Amino acid sequence: MKFGRTLIPVPKRFSLQALKLPKTPGLFSRFFERSERPNGEESIDSVISKGTVIRGDIAFTGVLRVDGYIEGRLEAQSEQALLVVGETATLRGDVSAVDAVICGLVEGNVVVQRFLELRPGARVIGDVTYSQIEMHVGASVDGRMVHAEDHTVHPLVVPNFARA
């Protein structure tokens, strides 16, 4: 693979219609219909599009939609953060989010503080820690599923091991 720096013009804000999720009733649709987001905002703040490759850790606030390839840790930095992993996305690394909707592939541990929705076709290879979950037919988890009863999920601490 050839990697280089590519600048892609992206509008400042995206509407929720741009998420292009299948018309499956679930957490994500109910989440925004109820307008529970504290700031009342209903738009995408950042998009990592299909064909984009990122190697490294990412910290995000607001709504992040991933359709590309990420090798590294994803970590939410605010209580309003929402992660959407699209059908074409591949994440190789641990994920720590407040709310998440997964439609693609995640190879790593997933820690979600509030709501996690695994849509049809979602595949998680790793442990999943959640407070509330909705798992659709066709989604799969190859790992442990840990329910955090107190609704206070602490971010996963992963030791750094030197590669031999």
N, C-alpha and C. Protein backbone atom coordinates (compact mmCIF):
# COMPACT_ATOMS: atom_id res chain seq x y z
N MET A 1 0.83 -1.19 0.00
CA MET A 1 0.00 0.00 0.00
C MET A 1 0.87 1.24 0.00
N LYS A 2 0.40 2.23 -0.65
CA LYS A 2 1.11 3.49 -0.69
C LYS A 2 0.37 4.48 0.21
N PHE A 3 1.11 5.08 1.13
CA PHE A 3 0.49 6.04 2.04
C PHE A 3 1.09 7.41 1.80
N GLY A 4 0.27 8.38 1.84
CA GLY A 4 0.71 9.74 1.67
C GLY A 4 -0.28 10.67 2.32
N ARG A 5 0.00 11.91 2.28
CA ARG A 5 -0.90 12.90 2.87
C ARG A 5 -1.87 13.37 1.81
N THR A 6 -3.14 13.20 2.08
CA THR A 6 -4.17 13.61 1.14
C THR A 6 -5.12 14.55 1.86
N LEU A 7 -5.31 15.70 1.31
CA LEU A 7 -6.26 16.64 1.90
C LEU A 7 -7.57 16.52 1.14
N ILE A 8 -8.63 16.24 1.88
CA ILE A 8 -9.94 16.07 1.28
C ILE A 8 -10.82 17.21 1.74
N PRO A 9 -11.39 18.00 0.82
CA PRO A 9 -12.28 19.06 1.26
C PRO A 9 -13.54 18.46 1.89
N VAL A 10 -13.83 18.85 3.11
CA VAL A 10 -14.98 18.34 3.82
C VAL A 10 -15.77 19.52 4.37
N PRO A 11 -17.08 19.57 4.11
CA PRO A 11 -17.88 20.65 4.68
C PRO A 11 -17.77 20.63 6.20
N LYS A 12 -17.94 21.81 6.82
CA LYS A 12 -17.81 21.90 8.27
C LYS A 12 -18.80 21.00 9.00
N ARG A 13 -20.01 20.93 8.55
CA ARG A 13 -21.04 20.16 9.23
C ARG A 13 -21.74 19.23 8.25
N PHE A 14 -22.16 18.08 8.73
CA PHE A 14 -22.93 17.13 7.96
C PHE A 14 -24.27 16.93 8.66
N SER A 15 -25.30 16.66 7.91
CA SER A 15 -26.58 16.35 8.53
C SER A 15 -26.61 14.88 8.89
N LEU A 16 -27.53 14.50 9.76
CA LEU A 16 -27.66 13.09 10.13
C LEU A 16 -28.06 12.23 8.95
N GLN A 17 -28.71 12.81 7.95
CA GLN A 17 -29.07 12.04 6.77
C GLN A 17 -27.82 11.54 6.05
N ALA A 18 -26.70 12.22 6.24
CA ALA A 18 -25.46 11.82 5.60
C ALA A 18 -24.88 10.56 6.22
N LEU A 19 -25.39 10.14 7.37
CA LEU A 19 -24.88 8.92 8.00
C LEU A 19 -25.19 7.69 7.17
N LYS A 20 -26.29 7.72 6.40
CA LYS A 20 -26.66 6.66 5.49
C LYS A 20 -26.73 5.30 6.18
N LEU A 21 -27.32 5.25 7.36
CA LEU A 21 -27.51 3.97 8.04
C LEU A 21 -28.77 3.31 7.50
N PRO A 22 -28.79 1.98 7.49
CA PRO A 22 -30.00 1.29 7.02
C PRO A 22 -31.20 1.70 7.86
N LYS A 23 -32.38 1.60 7.28
CA LYS A 23 -33.62 1.99 7.96
C LYS A 23 -34.03 0.92 8.97
N THR A 24 -33.16 0.63 9.92
CA THR A 24 -33.44 -0.35 10.95
C THR A 24 -33.76 0.41 12.23
N PRO A 25 -34.93 0.17 12.82
CA PRO A 25 -35.21 0.87 14.08
C PRO A 25 -34.20 0.41 15.12
N GLY A 26 -33.68 1.34 15.86
CA GLY A 26 -32.70 0.97 16.87
C GLY A 26 -32.33 2.17 17.71
N LEU A 27 -31.32 1.97 18.49
CA LEU A 27 -30.86 2.98 19.42
C LEU A 27 -30.57 4.30 18.74
N PHE A 28 -29.85 4.25 17.61
CA PHE A 28 -29.39 5.47 16.99
C PHE A 28 -30.56 6.36 16.59
N SER A 29 -31.56 5.76 15.93
CA SER A 29 -32.70 6.56 15.49
C SER A 29 -33.48 7.09 16.68
N ARG A 30 -33.69 6.24 17.68
CA ARG A 30 -34.42 6.69 18.87
C ARG A 30 -33.62 7.74 19.62
N PHE A 31 -32.31 7.58 19.64
CA PHE A 31 -31.45 8.49 20.38
C PHE A 31 -31.62 9.93 19.88
N PHE A 32 -31.67 10.11 18.55
CA PHE A 32 -31.80 11.44 18.02
C PHE A 32 -33.25 11.92 17.96
N GLU A 33 -34.20 10.99 17.78
CA GLU A 33 -35.60 11.40 17.79
C GLU A 33 -35.97 12.00 19.13
N ARG A 34 -35.39 11.46 20.21
CA ARG A 34 -35.70 11.97 21.54
C ARG A 34 -34.90 13.24 21.83
N SER A 35 -33.96 13.59 20.97
CA SER A 35 -33.10 14.77 21.16
C SER A 35 -32.50 14.82 22.56
N GLU A 36 -31.89 13.70 22.95
CA GLU A 36 -31.30 13.61 24.28
C GLU A 36 -29.90 14.21 24.35
N ARG A 37 -29.33 14.55 23.23
CA ARG A 37 -27.99 15.12 23.29
C ARG A 37 -28.08 16.47 24.00
N PRO A 38 -27.25 16.67 25.02
CA PRO A 38 -27.35 17.87 25.85
C PRO A 38 -27.31 19.19 25.09
N ASN A 39 -26.53 19.25 24.02
CA ASN A 39 -26.44 20.51 23.29
C ASN A 39 -27.48 20.62 22.18
N GLY A 40 -28.34 19.58 22.03
CA GLY A 40 -29.40 19.62 21.02
C GLY A 40 -28.88 19.53 19.60
N GLU A 41 -27.60 19.29 19.42
CA GLU A 41 -26.98 19.28 18.10
C GLU A 41 -27.25 17.95 17.40
N GLU A 42 -27.58 18.02 16.13
CA GLU A 42 -27.87 16.81 15.37
C GLU A 42 -27.09 16.82 14.06
N SER A 43 -25.77 16.80 14.14
CA SER A 43 -24.96 16.80 12.94
C SER A 43 -23.67 16.04 13.20
N ILE A 44 -22.97 15.72 12.10
CA ILE A 44 -21.69 15.02 12.20
C ILE A 44 -20.60 16.07 12.24
N ASP A 45 -19.70 15.92 13.19
CA ASP A 45 -18.60 16.88 13.31
C ASP A 45 -17.39 16.48 12.47
N SER A 46 -17.11 15.16 12.38
CA SER A 46 -15.94 14.69 11.65
C SER A 46 -16.26 13.42 10.90
N VAL A 47 -15.65 13.27 9.71
CA VAL A 47 -15.84 12.08 8.89
C VAL A 47 -14.47 11.57 8.44
N ILE A 48 -14.26 10.28 8.61
CA ILE A 48 -13.08 9.62 8.04
C ILE A 48 -13.64 8.73 6.94
N SER A 49 -13.50 9.17 5.72
CA SER A 49 -14.21 8.56 4.60
C SER A 49 -13.56 7.27 4.11
N LYS A 50 -14.35 6.53 3.32
CA LYS A 50 -13.89 5.28 2.72
C LYS A 50 -12.66 5.58 1.87
N GLY A 51 -11.66 4.72 1.97
CA GLY A 51 -10.42 4.93 1.22
C GLY A 51 -9.36 5.68 2.01
N THR A 52 -9.74 6.25 3.14
CA THR A 52 -8.78 6.97 3.99
C THR A 52 -8.14 5.98 4.96
N VAL A 53 -6.82 6.06 5.13
CA VAL A 53 -6.08 5.20 6.05
C VAL A 53 -5.41 6.08 7.08
N ILE A 54 -5.65 5.78 8.36
CA ILE A 54 -5.02 6.53 9.44
C ILE A 54 -4.32 5.54 10.36
N ARG A 55 -3.06 5.81 10.65
CA ARG A 55 -2.31 5.01 11.62
C ARG A 55 -1.93 5.94 12.77
N GLY A 56 -2.51 5.65 13.93
CA GLY A 56 -2.25 6.49 15.10
C GLY A 56 -3.51 6.63 15.92
N ASP A 57 -3.35 7.15 17.13
CA ASP A 57 -4.47 7.31 18.04
C ASP A 57 -5.29 8.54 17.68
N ILE A 58 -6.61 8.46 17.93
CA ILE A 58 -7.50 9.57 17.64
C ILE A 58 -8.33 9.88 18.87
N ALA A 59 -8.36 11.14 19.25
CA ALA A 59 -9.25 11.63 20.32
C ALA A 59 -10.29 12.50 19.63
N PHE A 60 -11.58 12.31 20.01
CA PHE A 60 -12.62 13.08 19.32
C PHE A 60 -13.67 13.58 20.30
N THR A 61 -14.36 14.63 19.86
CA THR A 61 -15.53 15.15 20.56
C THR A 61 -16.65 15.24 19.53
N GLY A 62 -17.87 15.36 19.95
CA GLY A 62 -18.98 15.47 19.01
C GLY A 62 -19.25 14.14 18.33
N VAL A 63 -19.71 14.20 17.08
CA VAL A 63 -20.05 13.00 16.32
C VAL A 63 -18.94 12.71 15.32
N LEU A 64 -18.39 11.50 15.40
CA LEU A 64 -17.36 11.05 14.47
C LEU A 64 -17.90 9.86 13.69
N ARG A 65 -17.90 9.96 12.36
CA ARG A 65 -18.28 8.83 11.51
C ARG A 65 -17.02 8.32 10.83
N VAL A 66 -16.82 7.00 10.92
CA VAL A 66 -15.66 6.36 10.30
C VAL A 66 -16.14 5.39 9.23
N ASP A 67 -15.66 5.59 8.00
CA ASP A 67 -15.94 4.67 6.91
C ASP A 67 -14.63 4.10 6.34
N GLY A 68 -13.51 4.60 6.81
CA GLY A 68 -12.21 4.18 6.31
C GLY A 68 -11.54 3.18 7.22
N TYR A 69 -10.21 3.18 7.21
CA TYR A 69 -9.38 2.24 7.97
C TYR A 69 -8.59 3.02 9.02
N ILE A 70 -8.68 2.57 10.25
CA ILE A 70 -7.91 3.19 11.33
C ILE A 70 -7.16 2.11 12.09
N GLU A 71 -5.86 2.32 12.25
CA GLU A 71 -5.05 1.44 13.07
C GLU A 71 -4.53 2.28 14.23
N GLY A 72 -5.17 2.13 15.38
CA GLY A 72 -4.82 2.91 16.56
C GLY A 72 -6.03 3.02 17.47
N ARG A 73 -5.83 3.66 18.58
CA ARG A 73 -6.88 3.79 19.59
C ARG A 73 -7.80 4.97 19.27
N LEU A 74 -9.12 4.79 19.47
CA LEU A 74 -10.10 5.86 19.34
C LEU A 74 -10.64 6.16 20.72
N GLU A 75 -10.63 7.42 21.11
CA GLU A 75 -11.07 7.77 22.45
C GLU A 75 -11.92 9.04 22.44
N ALA A 76 -13.12 8.95 23.02
CA ALA A 76 -14.02 10.11 23.15
C ALA A 76 -13.48 11.03 24.23
N GLN A 77 -13.59 12.33 23.98
CA GLN A 77 -13.08 13.33 24.92
C GLN A 77 -14.16 14.20 25.53
N SER A 78 -15.44 13.87 25.27
CA SER A 78 -16.52 14.67 25.85
C SER A 78 -17.73 13.80 26.11
N GLU A 79 -18.62 14.28 26.95
CA GLU A 79 -19.85 13.55 27.28
C GLU A 79 -20.84 13.53 26.12
N GLN A 80 -20.68 14.38 25.13
CA GLN A 80 -21.58 14.44 23.99
C GLN A 80 -21.05 13.64 22.80
N ALA A 81 -19.96 12.92 22.99
CA ALA A 81 -19.32 12.21 21.88
C ALA A 81 -20.13 11.00 21.43
N LEU A 82 -20.23 10.84 20.11
CA LEU A 82 -20.89 9.69 19.51
C LEU A 82 -19.99 9.17 18.40
N LEU A 83 -19.74 7.87 18.39
CA LEU A 83 -18.93 7.24 17.36
C LEU A 83 -19.85 6.40 16.47
N VAL A 84 -19.75 6.60 15.16
CA VAL A 84 -20.49 5.79 14.19
C VAL A 84 -19.45 5.09 13.32
N VAL A 85 -19.45 3.76 13.36
CA VAL A 85 -18.54 2.97 12.55
C VAL A 85 -19.35 2.42 11.38
N GLY A 86 -19.10 2.93 10.20
CA GLY A 86 -19.87 2.56 9.01
C GLY A 86 -19.59 1.15 8.52
N GLU A 87 -20.39 0.70 7.58
CA GLU A 87 -20.30 -0.66 7.06
C GLU A 87 -18.96 -0.95 6.39
N THR A 88 -18.32 0.05 5.81
CA THR A 88 -17.05 -0.15 5.11
C THR A 88 -15.84 0.08 6.00
N ALA A 89 -16.05 0.41 7.26
CA ALA A 89 -14.96 0.76 8.16
C ALA A 89 -14.27 -0.47 8.74
N THR A 90 -12.97 -0.31 9.00
CA THR A 90 -12.19 -1.29 9.74
C THR A 90 -11.39 -0.52 10.78
N LEU A 91 -11.60 -0.86 12.05
CA LEU A 91 -10.84 -0.26 13.15
C LEU A 91 -9.99 -1.34 13.78
N ARG A 92 -8.68 -1.13 13.83
CA ARG A 92 -7.78 -2.07 14.49
C ARG A 92 -7.15 -1.35 15.67
N GLY A 93 -7.76 -1.54 16.83
CA GLY A 93 -7.31 -0.88 18.04
C GLY A 93 -8.47 -0.76 19.01
N ASP A 94 -8.17 -0.36 20.22
CA ASP A 94 -9.20 -0.24 21.25
C ASP A 94 -10.04 1.02 21.04
N VAL A 95 -11.32 0.92 21.42
CA VAL A 95 -12.27 2.01 21.27
C VAL A 95 -12.85 2.35 22.63
N SER A 96 -12.83 3.62 22.97
CA SER A 96 -13.46 4.10 24.20
C SER A 96 -14.38 5.24 23.79
N ALA A 97 -15.71 5.05 24.00
CA ALA A 97 -16.68 6.05 23.55
C ALA A 97 -17.78 6.22 24.58
N VAL A 98 -18.51 7.31 24.48
CA VAL A 98 -19.66 7.55 25.34
C VAL A 98 -20.86 6.80 24.76
N ASP A 99 -21.15 7.02 23.48
CA ASP A 99 -22.20 6.32 22.74
C ASP A 99 -21.58 5.84 21.44
N ALA A 100 -22.05 4.68 20.94
CA ALA A 100 -21.48 4.16 19.69
C ALA A 100 -22.51 3.36 18.92
N VAL A 101 -22.42 3.47 17.59
CA VAL A 101 -23.18 2.64 16.67
C VAL A 101 -22.15 1.98 15.77
N ILE A 102 -22.15 0.64 15.75
CA ILE A 102 -21.15 -0.08 14.97
C ILE A 102 -21.86 -0.88 13.88
N CYS A 103 -21.42 -0.65 12.63
CA CYS A 103 -21.95 -1.39 11.47
C CYS A 103 -20.83 -2.18 10.79
N GLY A 104 -19.58 -1.83 11.04
CA GLY A 104 -18.43 -2.43 10.37
C GLY A 104 -17.62 -3.33 11.28
N LEU A 105 -16.31 -3.42 11.02
CA LEU A 105 -15.41 -4.31 11.73
C LEU A 105 -14.56 -3.54 12.75
N VAL A 106 -14.54 -4.04 13.98
CA VAL A 106 -13.67 -3.50 15.02
C VAL A 106 -12.83 -4.66 15.57
N GLU A 107 -11.51 -4.57 15.43
CA GLU A 107 -10.60 -5.56 15.99
C GLU A 107 -9.90 -4.93 17.18
N GLY A 108 -10.47 -5.10 18.34
CA GLY A 108 -9.94 -4.51 19.56
C GLY A 108 -11.04 -4.46 20.59
N ASN A 109 -10.69 -4.09 21.79
CA ASN A 109 -11.68 -3.99 22.86
C ASN A 109 -12.51 -2.72 22.70
N VAL A 110 -13.79 -2.82 23.01
CA VAL A 110 -14.72 -1.69 22.89
C VAL A 110 -15.29 -1.40 24.27
N VAL A 111 -15.15 -0.16 24.73
CA VAL A 111 -15.71 0.28 26.00
C VAL A 111 -16.64 1.45 25.71
N VAL A 112 -17.93 1.28 26.03
CA VAL A 112 -18.93 2.32 25.77
C VAL A 112 -19.60 2.68 27.09
N GLN A 113 -19.59 3.96 27.43
CA GLN A 113 -20.10 4.40 28.72
C GLN A 113 -21.61 4.35 28.83
N ARG A 114 -22.33 4.66 27.74
CA ARG A 114 -23.80 4.69 27.83
C ARG A 114 -24.43 3.69 26.88
N PHE A 115 -24.63 4.07 25.62
CA PHE A 115 -25.39 3.26 24.67
C PHE A 115 -24.49 2.68 23.59
N LEU A 116 -24.66 1.39 23.32
CA LEU A 116 -23.96 0.74 22.23
C LEU A 116 -24.98 0.03 21.36
N GLU A 117 -24.93 0.30 20.06
CA GLU A 117 -25.79 -0.40 19.12
C GLU A 117 -24.90 -1.14 18.13
N LEU A 118 -25.12 -2.46 18.00
CA LEU A 118 -24.42 -3.28 17.03
C LEU A 118 -25.43 -3.61 15.93
N ARG A 119 -25.25 -3.00 14.78
CA ARG A 119 -26.18 -3.14 13.66
C ARG A 119 -25.89 -4.43 12.88
N PRO A 120 -26.82 -4.85 12.01
CA PRO A 120 -26.57 -6.05 11.18
C PRO A 120 -25.26 -5.88 10.41
N GLY A 121 -24.43 -6.91 10.44
CA GLY A 121 -23.14 -6.85 9.74
C GLY A 121 -22.00 -6.35 10.62
N ALA A 122 -22.31 -5.84 11.80
CA ALA A 122 -21.26 -5.39 12.72
C ALA A 122 -20.47 -6.61 13.20
N ARG A 123 -19.16 -6.45 13.32
CA ARG A 123 -18.32 -7.54 13.81
C ARG A 123 -17.28 -6.95 14.75
N VAL A 124 -17.29 -7.43 15.99
CA VAL A 124 -16.31 -6.99 16.98
C VAL A 124 -15.48 -8.20 17.38
N ILE A 125 -14.17 -8.09 17.21
CA ILE A 125 -13.25 -9.13 17.63
C ILE A 125 -12.49 -8.56 18.82
N GLY A 126 -12.98 -8.85 20.00
CA GLY A 126 -12.42 -8.31 21.23
C GLY A 126 -13.52 -8.21 22.27
N ASP A 127 -13.16 -7.78 23.46
CA ASP A 127 -14.11 -7.66 24.55
C ASP A 127 -14.95 -6.40 24.41
N VAL A 128 -16.21 -6.48 24.82
CA VAL A 128 -17.13 -5.34 24.75
C VAL A 128 -17.63 -5.05 26.16
N THR A 129 -17.41 -3.83 26.63
CA THR A 129 -17.93 -3.37 27.92
C THR A 129 -18.94 -2.28 27.63
N TYR A 130 -20.13 -2.40 28.23
CA TYR A 130 -21.22 -1.49 27.89
C TYR A 130 -22.11 -1.26 29.10
N SER A 131 -22.90 -0.21 29.03
CA SER A 131 -23.92 0.05 30.03
C SER A 131 -25.27 -0.41 29.51
N GLN A 132 -25.62 0.02 28.28
CA GLN A 132 -26.83 -0.42 27.60
C GLN A 132 -26.46 -0.83 26.19
N ILE A 133 -27.06 -1.92 25.73
CA ILE A 133 -26.69 -2.43 24.41
C ILE A 133 -27.93 -2.85 23.64
N GLU A 134 -27.84 -2.68 22.32
CA GLU A 134 -28.85 -3.21 21.41
C GLU A 134 -28.08 -3.92 20.31
N MET A 135 -28.32 -5.22 20.19
CA MET A 135 -27.58 -6.04 19.22
C MET A 135 -28.58 -6.61 18.21
N HIS A 136 -28.41 -6.25 16.96
CA HIS A 136 -29.31 -6.69 15.90
C HIS A 136 -28.90 -8.07 15.40
N VAL A 137 -29.85 -8.77 14.77
CA VAL A 137 -29.56 -10.04 14.13
C VAL A 137 -28.55 -9.78 13.02
N GLY A 138 -27.51 -10.59 12.98
CA GLY A 138 -26.47 -10.42 11.97
C GLY A 138 -25.22 -9.75 12.51
N ALA A 139 -25.29 -9.20 13.72
CA ALA A 139 -24.10 -8.63 14.36
C ALA A 139 -23.39 -9.75 15.14
N SER A 140 -22.06 -9.64 15.28
CA SER A 140 -21.34 -10.68 16.02
C SER A 140 -20.26 -10.07 16.90
N VAL A 141 -20.01 -10.76 18.01
CA VAL A 141 -18.94 -10.38 18.94
C VAL A 141 -18.13 -11.63 19.22
N ASP A 142 -16.84 -11.58 18.93
CA ASP A 142 -15.93 -12.68 19.23
C ASP A 142 -15.06 -12.23 20.39
N GLY A 143 -15.59 -12.39 21.60
CA GLY A 143 -14.93 -11.94 22.81
C GLY A 143 -15.93 -11.91 23.96
N ARG A 144 -15.51 -11.38 25.07
CA ARG A 144 -16.40 -11.29 26.23
C ARG A 144 -17.29 -10.07 26.12
N MET A 145 -18.50 -10.21 26.66
CA MET A 145 -19.40 -9.06 26.76
C MET A 145 -19.60 -8.80 28.25
N VAL A 146 -19.23 -7.59 28.68
CA VAL A 146 -19.27 -7.25 30.10
C VAL A 146 -20.25 -6.11 30.31
N HIS A 147 -21.27 -6.34 31.12
CA HIS A 147 -22.26 -5.31 31.42
C HIS A 147 -21.81 -4.55 32.66
N ALA A 148 -21.75 -3.23 32.56
CA ALA A 148 -21.40 -2.38 33.70
C ALA A 148 -22.71 -1.93 34.34
N GLU A 149 -23.07 -2.52 35.45
CA GLU A 149 -24.38 -2.28 36.07
C GLU A 149 -24.56 -0.88 36.61
N ASP A 150 -23.50 -0.25 37.04
CA ASP A 150 -23.65 1.06 37.68
C ASP A 150 -23.73 2.21 36.68
N HIS A 151 -23.74 1.92 35.38
CA HIS A 151 -23.81 2.93 34.31
C HIS A 151 -22.63 3.89 34.34
N THR A 152 -21.58 3.50 35.01
CA THR A 152 -20.35 4.28 35.01
C THR A 152 -19.24 3.36 34.52
N VAL A 153 -18.99 3.39 33.24
CA VAL A 153 -17.95 2.56 32.66
C VAL A 153 -16.70 3.40 32.57
N HIS A 154 -15.63 2.88 33.11
CA HIS A 154 -14.36 3.61 33.07
C HIS A 154 -13.59 3.18 31.83
N PRO A 155 -12.87 4.11 31.22
CA PRO A 155 -12.11 3.76 30.02
C PRO A 155 -11.17 2.60 30.27
N LEU A 156 -10.97 1.80 29.24
CA LEU A 156 -10.12 0.63 29.32
C LEU A 156 -8.67 1.08 29.39
N VAL A 157 -7.93 0.49 30.32
CA VAL A 157 -6.51 0.78 30.42
C VAL A 157 -5.78 -0.41 29.82
N VAL A 158 -5.06 -0.16 28.75
CA VAL A 158 -4.34 -1.22 28.06
C VAL A 158 -2.85 -1.00 28.25
N PRO A 159 -2.15 -2.00 28.82
CA PRO A 159 -0.71 -1.83 29.02
C PRO A 159 0.02 -1.78 27.69
N ASN A 160 1.10 -1.03 27.66
CA ASN A 160 1.94 -0.95 26.47
C ASN A 160 2.98 -2.04 26.55
N PHE A 161 2.92 -3.00 25.66
CA PHE A 161 3.90 -4.07 25.62
C PHE A 161 4.87 -3.81 24.49
N ALA A 162 6.14 -3.99 24.78
CA ALA A 162 7.14 -3.80 23.73
C ALA A 162 7.01 -4.92 22.73
N ARG A 163 7.05 -4.59 21.48
CA ARG A 163 6.96 -5.62 20.43
C ARG A 163 8.32 -6.25 20.24
N ALA A 164 8.30 -7.57 20.21
CA ALA A 164 9.57 -8.31 20.06
C ALA A 164 9.91 -8.49 18.62
